[in-house]
Amino acid sequence: MIAMLAGVLLGLWVHYNGTPAQIDAFSNYIGVLTDIFLRMIKMIIAPLVFSTLVVGIAKSACTSARLRNGNGAAVAITATPSRNG
């Protein structure tokens, strides 16, 4: 919560006290940080979703339920668009 408030206050300070060149430079620096943060989140989420699917399918007791869940998972994975980059 404190970091959110600090980010809002920093953004307002740059907006009201910076020249257009300073604002562009600041937004470029912040853009690099946001790219790093989003890539870190993607690196955590993809293995987590995959492992959840694998464990859920593996723990299924009934063979027909396992086949049904496996086919559903395969359809969901292949139907989901890939966003590389």
Protein backbone atom coordinates (compact mmCIF):
# COMPACT_ATOMS: atom_id res chain seq x y z
CA MET A 1 0.00 0.00 0.00
CA ILE A 2 2.86 2.33 0.83
CA ALA A 3 4.56 1.58 -2.51
CA MET A 4 1.34 2.37 -4.39
CA LEU A 5 1.01 5.68 -2.61
CA ALA A 6 4.68 6.47 -3.25
CA GLY A 7 4.22 5.67 -6.96
CA VAL A 8 1.20 7.95 -7.25
CA LEU A 9 2.98 10.78 -5.44
CA LEU A 10 6.10 10.38 -7.59
CA GLY A 11 4.00 10.40 -10.76
CA LEU A 12 2.17 13.55 -9.70
CA TRP A 13 5.44 15.25 -8.75
CA VAL A 14 7.01 14.43 -12.13
CA HIS A 15 3.84 15.53 -13.93
CA TYR A 16 3.64 18.93 -12.28
CA ASN A 17 7.35 19.72 -11.86
CA GLY A 18 9.01 18.18 -14.91
CA THR A 19 9.64 19.55 -18.38
CA PRO A 20 8.33 17.53 -21.32
CA ALA A 21 11.84 16.14 -21.94
CA GLN A 22 12.18 15.08 -18.30
CA ILE A 23 8.75 13.47 -18.36
CA ASP A 24 9.66 11.47 -21.49
CA ALA A 25 12.92 10.32 -19.94
CA PHE A 26 11.17 9.35 -16.70
CA SER A 27 8.50 7.36 -18.54
CA ASN A 28 11.22 5.52 -20.50
CA TYR A 29 12.96 4.54 -17.24
CA ILE A 30 9.68 3.41 -15.70
CA GLY A 31 8.84 1.48 -18.88
CA VAL A 32 11.94 -0.67 -18.42
CA LEU A 33 10.93 -1.45 -14.83
CA THR A 34 7.40 -2.41 -15.85
CA ASP A 35 8.72 -4.70 -18.59
CA ILE A 36 10.99 -6.45 -16.09
CA PHE A 37 8.14 -6.81 -13.58
CA LEU A 38 5.71 -8.23 -16.15
CA ARG A 39 8.27 -10.72 -17.46
CA MET A 40 8.94 -11.89 -13.90
CA ILE A 41 5.20 -12.43 -13.36
CA LYS A 42 4.97 -14.42 -16.61
CA MET A 43 7.89 -16.59 -15.50
CA ILE A 44 6.01 -17.44 -12.30
CA ILE A 45 2.48 -17.88 -13.70
CA ALA A 46 3.17 -20.23 -16.64
CA PRO A 47 4.86 -23.00 -14.59
CA LEU A 48 2.26 -22.58 -11.84
CA VAL A 49 -0.64 -23.11 -14.26
CA PHE A 50 1.10 -26.05 -15.92
CA SER A 51 1.89 -27.75 -12.61
CA THR A 52 -1.68 -27.19 -11.40
CA LEU A 53 -3.03 -28.89 -14.52
CA VAL A 54 -0.61 -31.80 -14.23
CA VAL A 55 -1.32 -32.39 -10.54
CA GLY A 56 -5.08 -32.07 -11.05
CA ILE A 57 -5.05 -34.60 -13.87
CA ALA A 58 -2.74 -36.94 -11.97
CA LYS A 59 -4.90 -36.93 -8.82
CA SER A 60 -8.05 -37.84 -10.71
CA ALA A 61 -9.17 -41.23 -9.36
CA CYS A 62 -11.41 -42.42 -12.18
CA THR A 63 -9.89 -43.28 -15.57
CA SER A 64 -12.83 -41.86 -17.50
CA ALA A 65 -12.67 -38.64 -15.47
CA ARG A 66 -8.91 -38.46 -16.08
CA LEU A 67 -9.45 -38.87 -19.82
CA ARG A 68 -12.23 -36.27 -19.82
CA ASN A 69 -10.11 -33.78 -17.82
CA GLY A 70 -7.05 -34.49 -19.93
CA ASN A 71 -8.92 -33.85 -23.16
CA GLY A 72 -10.38 -30.66 -21.72
CA ALA A 73 -6.97 -29.49 -20.61
CA ALA A 74 -5.47 -30.27 -24.00
CA VAL A 75 -8.25 -28.33 -25.75
CA ALA A 76 -7.84 -25.39 -23.36
CA ILE A 77 -4.07 -25.29 -23.84
CA THR A 78 -4.20 -25.50 -27.63
CA ALA A 79 -7.08 -23.02 -27.91
CA THR A 80 -5.35 -20.39 -25.77
CA PRO A 81 -3.42 -17.91 -27.93
CA SER A 82 0.29 -17.62 -27.29
CA ARG A 83 1.65 -14.15 -26.49
CA ASN A 84 5.36 -14.24 -27.03
CA GLY A 85 7.26 -11.02 -26.66
